[in-house]
């Protein structure tokens, strides 16, 4: 098992138990010893607290879903080579370095890239995607199972368990589906958001 928040909590708890046991085994207690015990106890509690803080930032991903659809790589061949190269590189990086199963890039009413497990149907953005570009804010659906607007994404990838909608500008966004619930980390979101800004710069440069 790797070193994670559970390891920190376990280590902190063991240290706290050991220092309590050590305190009761000492026959003569001096002021110096008391201060050392207090410092040791505080250090143990701080380690436990750090473990719980790490837990808050580490999503508990669900089981990987067997998604329906074909593994594809489709893109708008009318796009300039610079744009296609950037989108191809970035989409490959997302699919290989995160828990993403599918990615779609939509710009000005056109799906300019679809990659990964995807539906054969034409995707049209609905309320969630439009709200993301209107507010220029990332929308994270950690679990789509009980999301009332989940039908919006059926033509993206049926039964996709989690989704990120990342705005590029007022007319474009990146849509990413995950293999399981709660599978995207804060680092994933930050990296993809920064990439969306790069895409916007490239779009502006090429008058897209």
C-alpha atoms as a PDB file:
ATOM      1  CA  UNK A   1       0.000   0.000   0.000  1.00  0.00           C
ATOM      2  CA  UNK A   2       1.360   3.469  -0.903  1.00  0.00           C
ATOM      3  CA  UNK A   3       1.976   6.274   1.554  1.00  0.00           C
ATOM      4  CA  UNK A   4      -1.245   8.307   1.828  1.00  0.00           C
ATOM      5  CA  UNK A   5      -3.536  10.028   4.328  1.00  0.00           C
ATOM      6  CA  UNK A   6      -4.301   6.711   6.032  1.00  0.00           C
ATOM      7  CA  UNK A   7      -0.575   6.196   6.650  1.00  0.00           C
ATOM      8  CA  UNK A   8      -0.286   9.633   8.264  1.00  0.00           C
ATOM      9  CA  UNK A   9      -3.240   9.022  10.576  1.00  0.00           C
ATOM     10  CA  UNK A  10      -1.864   5.604  11.550  1.00  0.00           C
ATOM     11  CA  UNK A  11       1.610   6.982  12.282  1.00  0.00           C
ATOM     12  CA  UNK A  12       0.228   9.890  14.303  1.00  0.00           C
ATOM     13  CA  UNK A  13      -2.040   7.586  16.319  1.00  0.00           C
ATOM     14  CA  UNK A  14       0.778   5.132  17.082  1.00  0.00           C
ATOM     15  CA  UNK A  15       3.097   7.937  18.181  1.00  0.00           C
ATOM     16  CA  UNK A  16       0.401   9.335  20.465  1.00  0.00           C
ATOM     17  CA  UNK A  17      -0.216   5.903  22.030  1.00  0.00           C
ATOM     18  CA  UNK A  18       3.521   5.299  22.497  1.00  0.00           C
ATOM     19  CA  UNK A  19       4.109   8.621  24.228  1.00  0.00           C
ATOM     20  CA  UNK A  20       1.120   8.046  26.550  1.00  0.00           C
ATOM     21  CA  UNK A  21       2.429   4.567  27.396  1.00  0.00           C
ATOM     22  CA  UNK A  22       5.898   6.007  27.966  1.00  0.00           C
ATOM     23  CA  UNK A  23       4.508   8.685  30.283  1.00  0.00           C
ATOM     24  CA  UNK A  24       2.824   6.165  32.570  1.00  0.00           C
ATOM     25  CA  UNK A  25       5.898   3.941  32.676  1.00  0.00           C
ATOM     26  CA  UNK A  26       8.142   6.692  34.101  1.00  0.00           C
ATOM     27  CA  UNK A  27       8.661   6.668  37.883  1.00  0.00           C
ATOM     28  CA  UNK A  28       9.923  10.239  38.312  1.00  0.00           C
ATOM     29  CA  UNK A  29       8.291  13.073  36.401  1.00  0.00           C
ATOM     30  CA  UNK A  30      10.283  16.296  35.987  1.00  0.00           C
ATOM     31  CA  UNK A  31       9.181  19.641  34.462  1.00  0.00           C
ATOM     32  CA  UNK A  32      11.469  18.967  31.495  1.00  0.00           C
ATOM     33  CA  UNK A  33       9.826  15.602  30.923  1.00  0.00           C
ATOM     34  CA  UNK A  34       6.361  17.104  31.141  1.00  0.00           C
ATOM     35  CA  UNK A  35       7.260  19.683  28.507  1.00  0.00           C
ATOM     36  CA  UNK A  36       8.681  16.967  26.256  1.00  0.00           C
ATOM     37  CA  UNK A  37       5.504  14.908  26.639  1.00  0.00           C
ATOM     38  CA  UNK A  38       3.319  17.883  25.728  1.00  0.00           C
ATOM     39  CA  UNK A  39       5.421  18.604  22.634  1.00  0.00           C
ATOM     40  CA  UNK A  40       5.316  14.931  21.608  1.00  0.00           C
ATOM     41  CA  UNK A  41       1.535  14.794  22.052  1.00  0.00           C
ATOM     42  CA  UNK A  42       1.038  17.961  20.000  1.00  0.00           C
ATOM     43  CA  UNK A  43       3.316  16.623  17.252  1.00  0.00           C
ATOM     44  CA  UNK A  44       1.302  13.395  17.099  1.00  0.00           C
ATOM     45  CA  UNK A  45      -1.988  15.283  16.911  1.00  0.00           C
ATOM     46  CA  UNK A  46      -0.628  17.568  14.161  1.00  0.00           C
ATOM     47  CA  UNK A  47       0.370  14.506  12.096  1.00  0.00           C
ATOM     48  CA  UNK A  48      -3.143  13.076  12.535  1.00  0.00           C
ATOM     49  CA  UNK A  49      -4.677  16.441  11.547  1.00  0.00           C
ATOM     50  CA  UNK A  50      -2.520  16.613   8.404  1.00  0.00           C
ATOM     51  CA  UNK A  51      -3.717  13.117   7.513  1.00  0.00           C
ATOM     52  CA  UNK A  52      -7.363  14.203   7.746  1.00  0.00           C
ATOM     53  CA  UNK A  53      -6.628  17.320   5.682  1.00  0.00           C
ATOM     54  CA  UNK A  54      -5.049  15.154   2.961  1.00  0.00           C
ATOM     55  CA  UNK A  55      -8.161  12.986   3.051  1.00  0.00           C
ATOM     56  CA  UNK A  56     -10.305  15.997   2.135  1.00  0.00           C
ATOM     57  CA  UNK A  57      -8.237  16.617  -1.011  1.00  0.00           C
ATOM     58  CA  UNK A  58      -8.018  12.965  -2.093  1.00  0.00           C
ATOM     59  CA  UNK A  59     -11.201  11.869  -3.902  1.00  0.00           C
ATOM     60  CA  UNK A  60     -12.532   8.427  -3.144  1.00  0.00           C
ATOM     61  CA  UNK A  61     -12.954   7.134  -6.666  1.00  0.00           C
ATOM     62  CA  UNK A  62     -15.584   4.548  -7.373  1.00  0.00           C
ATOM     63  CA  UNK A  63     -15.205   1.409  -9.437  1.00  0.00           C
ATOM     64  CA  UNK A  64     -14.312   1.716 -13.096  1.00  0.00           C
ATOM     65  CA  UNK A  65     -17.384   1.532 -15.321  1.00  0.00           C
ATOM     66  CA  UNK A  66     -17.553  -0.539 -18.491  1.00  0.00           C
ATOM     67  CA  UNK A  67     -18.614   2.288 -20.778  1.00  0.00           C
ATOM     68  CA  UNK A  68     -20.596   1.779 -23.960  1.00  0.00           C
ATOM     69  CA  UNK A  69     -19.217   3.279 -27.129  1.00  0.00           C
ATOM     70  CA  UNK A  70     -16.295   3.149 -29.509  1.00  0.00           C
ATOM     71  CA  UNK A  71     -12.773   4.398 -28.950  1.00  0.00           C
ATOM     72  CA  UNK A  72     -12.396   7.161 -31.506  1.00  0.00           C
ATOM     73  CA  UNK A  73     -10.257  10.108 -32.498  1.00  0.00           C
ATOM     74  CA  UNK A  74     -12.233  12.567 -34.605  1.00  0.00           C
ATOM     75  CA  UNK A  75     -11.316  16.176 -35.336  1.00  0.00           C
ATOM     76  CA  UNK A  76     -12.297  19.032 -37.614  1.00  0.00           C
ATOM     77  CA  UNK A  77      -9.844  18.859 -40.503  1.00  0.00           C
ATOM     78  CA  UNK A  78     -10.612  22.472 -41.387  1.00  0.00           C
ATOM     79  CA  UNK A  79      -8.750  23.601 -38.283  1.00  0.00           C
ATOM     80  CA  UNK A  80      -5.239  25.057 -38.782  1.00  0.00           C
ATOM     81  CA  UNK A  81      -2.383  22.588 -38.209  1.00  0.00           C
ATOM     82  CA  UNK A  82      -1.201  24.478 -35.119  1.00  0.00           C
ATOM     83  CA  UNK A  83      -4.626  24.087 -33.509  1.00  0.00           C
ATOM     84  CA  UNK A  84      -4.963  20.410 -34.436  1.00  0.00           C
ATOM     85  CA  UNK A  85      -1.480  19.630 -33.115  1.00  0.00           C
ATOM     86  CA  UNK A  86      -2.195  21.315 -29.781  1.00  0.00           C
ATOM     87  CA  UNK A  87      -5.595  19.659 -29.329  1.00  0.00           C
ATOM     88  CA  UNK A  88      -4.194  16.243 -30.292  1.00  0.00           C
ATOM     89  CA  UNK A  89      -1.319  16.586 -27.821  1.00  0.00           C
ATOM     90  CA  UNK A  90      -3.458  17.879 -24.960  1.00  0.00           C
ATOM     91  CA  UNK A  91      -6.267  15.361 -25.384  1.00  0.00           C
ATOM     92  CA  UNK A  92      -3.755  12.495 -25.453  1.00  0.00           C
ATOM     93  CA  UNK A  93      -2.125  13.826 -22.281  1.00  0.00           C
ATOM     94  CA  UNK A  94      -5.473  14.015 -20.481  1.00  0.00           C
ATOM     95  CA  UNK A  95      -6.506  10.504 -21.502  1.00  0.00           C
ATOM     96  CA  UNK A  96      -3.181   8.964 -20.481  1.00  0.00           C
ATOM     97  CA  UNK A  97      -2.311  10.931 -17.343  1.00  0.00           C
ATOM     98  CA  UNK A  98      -5.736  11.250 -15.681  1.00  0.00           C
ATOM     99  CA  UNK A  99      -8.775   9.007 -15.150  1.00  0.00           C
ATOM    100  CA  UNK A 100     -10.450  10.456 -18.244  1.00  0.00           C
ATOM    101  CA  UNK A 101     -12.218   8.044 -20.591  1.00  0.00           C
ATOM    102  CA  UNK A 102     -13.531  10.535 -23.119  1.00  0.00           C
ATOM    103  CA  UNK A 103     -12.896  14.113 -24.198  1.00  0.00           C
ATOM    104  CA  UNK A 104     -14.798  16.503 -26.444  1.00  0.00           C
ATOM    105  CA  UNK A 105     -13.887  20.045 -27.446  1.00  0.00           C
ATOM    106  CA  UNK A 106     -16.714  22.274 -28.611  1.00  0.00           C
ATOM    107  CA  UNK A 107     -16.250  25.673 -30.212  1.00  0.00           C
ATOM    108  CA  UNK A 108     -18.827  28.062 -31.652  1.00  0.00           C
ATOM    109  CA  UNK A 109     -21.466  25.400 -32.239  1.00  0.00           C
ATOM    110  CA  UNK A 110     -19.086  22.790 -33.652  1.00  0.00           C
ATOM    111  CA  UNK A 111     -17.549  19.707 -32.024  1.00  0.00           C
ATOM    112  CA  UNK A 112     -13.989  20.199 -33.244  1.00  0.00           C
ATOM    113  CA  UNK A 113     -12.537  17.177 -31.435  1.00  0.00           C
ATOM    114  CA  UNK A 114     -13.840  13.919 -29.956  1.00  0.00           C
ATOM    115  CA  UNK A 115     -11.467  11.373 -28.502  1.00  0.00           C
ATOM    116  CA  UNK A 116     -11.727   8.259 -26.347  1.00  0.00           C
ATOM    117  CA  UNK A 117     -14.923   6.325 -25.653  1.00  0.00           C
ATOM    118  CA  UNK A 118     -17.651   8.284 -27.370  1.00  0.00           C
ATOM    119  CA  UNK A 119     -21.174   8.008 -28.751  1.00  0.00           C
ATOM    120  CA  UNK A 120     -21.934   7.935 -32.457  1.00  0.00           C
ATOM    121  CA  UNK A 121     -24.578  10.630 -31.933  1.00  0.00           C
ATOM    122  CA  UNK A 122     -23.991  14.331 -32.451  1.00  0.00           C
ATOM    123  CA  UNK A 123     -23.461  16.141 -29.156  1.00  0.00           C
ATOM    124  CA  UNK A 124     -25.217  19.433 -28.553  1.00  0.00           C
ATOM    125  CA  UNK A 125     -24.467  21.433 -25.394  1.00  0.00           C
ATOM    126  CA  UNK A 126     -27.278  21.881 -22.904  1.00  0.00           C
ATOM    127  CA  UNK A 127     -27.865  23.899 -19.758  1.00  0.00           C
ATOM    128  CA  UNK A 128     -24.790  22.704 -17.847  1.00  0.00           C
ATOM    129  CA  UNK A 129     -22.266  23.361 -20.615  1.00  0.00           C
ATOM    130  CA  UNK A 130     -23.842  26.702 -21.506  1.00  0.00           C
ATOM    131  CA  UNK A 131     -23.771  27.771 -17.858  1.00  0.00           C
ATOM    132  CA  UNK A 132     -20.069  26.915 -17.659  1.00  0.00           C
ATOM    133  CA  UNK A 133     -19.118  29.198 -20.564  1.00  0.00           C
ATOM    134  CA  UNK A 134     -21.529  31.909 -19.436  1.00  0.00           C
ATOM    135  CA  UNK A 135     -20.011  32.043 -15.935  1.00  0.00           C
ATOM    136  CA  UNK A 136     -16.519  31.096 -17.184  1.00  0.00           C
ATOM    137  CA  UNK A 137     -16.239  28.562 -14.368  1.00  0.00           C
ATOM    138  CA  UNK A 138     -15.292  24.903 -14.302  1.00  0.00           C
ATOM    139  CA  UNK A 139     -18.213  22.619 -13.441  1.00  0.00           C
ATOM    140  CA  UNK A 140     -17.382  19.299 -11.812  1.00  0.00           C
ATOM    141  CA  UNK A 141     -19.993  16.549 -11.649  1.00  0.00           C
ATOM    142  CA  UNK A 142     -18.281  14.031  -9.379  1.00  0.00           C
ATOM    143  CA  UNK A 143     -21.199  11.627  -9.862  1.00  0.00           C
ATOM    144  CA  UNK A 144     -23.758  11.941 -12.646  1.00  0.00           C
ATOM    145  CA  UNK A 145     -25.982   9.160 -11.308  1.00  0.00           C
ATOM    146  CA  UNK A 146     -28.399  11.473  -9.523  1.00  0.00           C
ATOM    147  CA  UNK A 147     -27.699  14.633 -11.512  1.00  0.00           C
ATOM    148  CA  UNK A 148     -31.064  15.840 -12.917  1.00  0.00           C
ATOM    149  CA  UNK A 149     -29.490  17.106 -16.141  1.00  0.00           C
ATOM    150  CA  UNK A 150     -27.511  13.982 -16.951  1.00  0.00           C
ATOM    151  CA  UNK A 151     -29.447  13.419 -20.212  1.00  0.00           C
ATOM    152  CA  UNK A 152     -27.517  16.353 -21.655  1.00  0.00           C
ATOM    153  CA  UNK A 153     -24.440  14.117 -21.844  1.00  0.00           C
ATOM    154  CA  UNK A 154     -26.016  10.982 -23.313  1.00  0.00           C
ATOM    155  CA  UNK A 155     -24.793  11.874 -26.810  1.00  0.00           C
ATOM    156  CA  UNK A 156     -21.340  12.554 -25.390  1.00  0.00           C
ATOM    157  CA  UNK A 157     -20.870   9.167 -23.740  1.00  0.00           C
ATOM    158  CA  UNK A 158     -23.795   7.118 -22.350  1.00  0.00           C
ATOM    159  CA  UNK A 159     -23.696   6.320 -18.614  1.00  0.00           C
ATOM    160  CA  UNK A 160     -20.532   8.350 -18.044  1.00  0.00           C
ATOM    161  CA  UNK A 161     -20.085   8.355 -14.226  1.00  0.00           C
ATOM    162  CA  UNK A 162     -18.315  11.715 -13.802  1.00  0.00           C
ATOM    163  CA  UNK A 163     -17.804  14.837 -15.867  1.00  0.00           C
ATOM    164  CA  UNK A 164     -15.744  18.007 -16.009  1.00  0.00           C
ATOM    165  CA  UNK A 165     -16.882  20.984 -18.073  1.00  0.00           C
ATOM    166  CA  UNK A 166     -14.011  23.432 -18.545  1.00  0.00           C
ATOM    167  CA  UNK A 167     -14.699  26.728 -20.366  1.00  0.00           C
ATOM    168  CA  UNK A 168     -12.231  27.918 -22.998  1.00  0.00           C
ATOM    169  CA  UNK A 169     -13.969  31.204 -23.766  1.00  0.00           C
ATOM    170  CA  UNK A 170     -17.532  32.487 -24.184  1.00  0.00           C
ATOM    171  CA  UNK A 171     -18.197  30.113 -27.096  1.00  0.00           C
ATOM    172  CA  UNK A 172     -16.068  27.052 -26.412  1.00  0.00           C
ATOM    173  CA  UNK A 173     -15.472  24.434 -23.729  1.00  0.00           C
ATOM    174  CA  UNK A 174     -13.717  21.154 -22.976  1.00  0.00           C
ATOM    175  CA  UNK A 175     -15.942  18.269 -21.896  1.00  0.00           C
ATOM    176  CA  UNK A 176     -14.214  15.400 -20.099  1.00  0.00           C
ATOM    177  CA  UNK A 177     -15.765  12.166 -18.863  1.00  0.00           C
ATOM    178  CA  UNK A 178     -14.169   9.928 -16.234  1.00  0.00           C
ATOM    179  CA  UNK A 179     -14.068   6.145 -15.922  1.00  0.00           C
ATOM    180  CA  UNK A 180     -15.499   6.271 -12.400  1.00  0.00           C
ATOM    181  CA  UNK A 181     -17.126   8.607  -9.881  1.00  0.00           C
ATOM    182  CA  UNK A 182     -14.956  11.138  -8.033  1.00  0.00           C
ATOM    183  CA  UNK A 183     -11.973  10.240 -10.187  1.00  0.00           C
ATOM    184  CA  UNK A 184     -10.633  13.714 -10.979  1.00  0.00           C
ATOM    185  CA  UNK A 185      -8.269  15.404  -8.532  1.00  0.00           C
ATOM    186  CA  UNK A 186      -7.827  19.109  -7.854  1.00  0.00           C
ATOM    187  CA  UNK A 187      -4.496  18.848  -9.679  1.00  0.00           C
ATOM    188  CA  UNK A 188      -6.291  17.439 -12.742  1.00  0.00           C
ATOM    189  CA  UNK A 189      -8.758  20.325 -12.689  1.00  0.00           C
ATOM    190  CA  UNK A 190      -5.995  22.913 -12.343  1.00  0.00           C
ATOM    191  CA  UNK A 191      -3.910  21.392 -15.145  1.00  0.00           C
ATOM    192  CA  UNK A 192      -6.874  21.197 -17.550  1.00  0.00           C
ATOM    193  CA  UNK A 193      -7.965  24.745 -16.686  1.00  0.00           C
ATOM    194  CA  UNK A 194      -4.487  26.042 -17.496  1.00  0.00           C
ATOM    195  CA  UNK A 195      -4.539  24.104 -20.775  1.00  0.00           C
ATOM    196  CA  UNK A 196      -7.912  25.673 -21.665  1.00  0.00           C
ATOM    197  CA  UNK A 197      -6.285  29.100 -21.341  1.00  0.00           C
ATOM    198  CA  UNK A 198      -3.541  28.007 -23.732  1.00  0.00           C
ATOM    199  CA  UNK A 199      -6.171  26.790 -26.204  1.00  0.00           C
ATOM    200  CA  UNK A 200      -7.935  30.155 -25.985  1.00  0.00           C
ATOM    201  CA  UNK A 201      -4.690  31.936 -26.851  1.00  0.00           C
ATOM    202  CA  UNK A 202      -4.148  29.647 -29.838  1.00  0.00           C
ATOM    203  CA  UNK A 203      -7.746  30.172 -30.991  1.00  0.00           C
ATOM    204  CA  UNK A 204      -7.284  33.940 -30.772  1.00  0.00           C
ATOM    205  CA  UNK A 205      -4.013  33.770 -32.668  1.00  0.00           C
ATOM    206  CA  UNK A 206      -5.693  31.801 -35.478  1.00  0.00           C
ATOM    207  CA  UNK A 207      -8.905  33.894 -35.434  1.00  0.00           C
ATOM    208  CA  UNK A 208     -11.078  30.948 -34.432  1.00  0.00           C
END
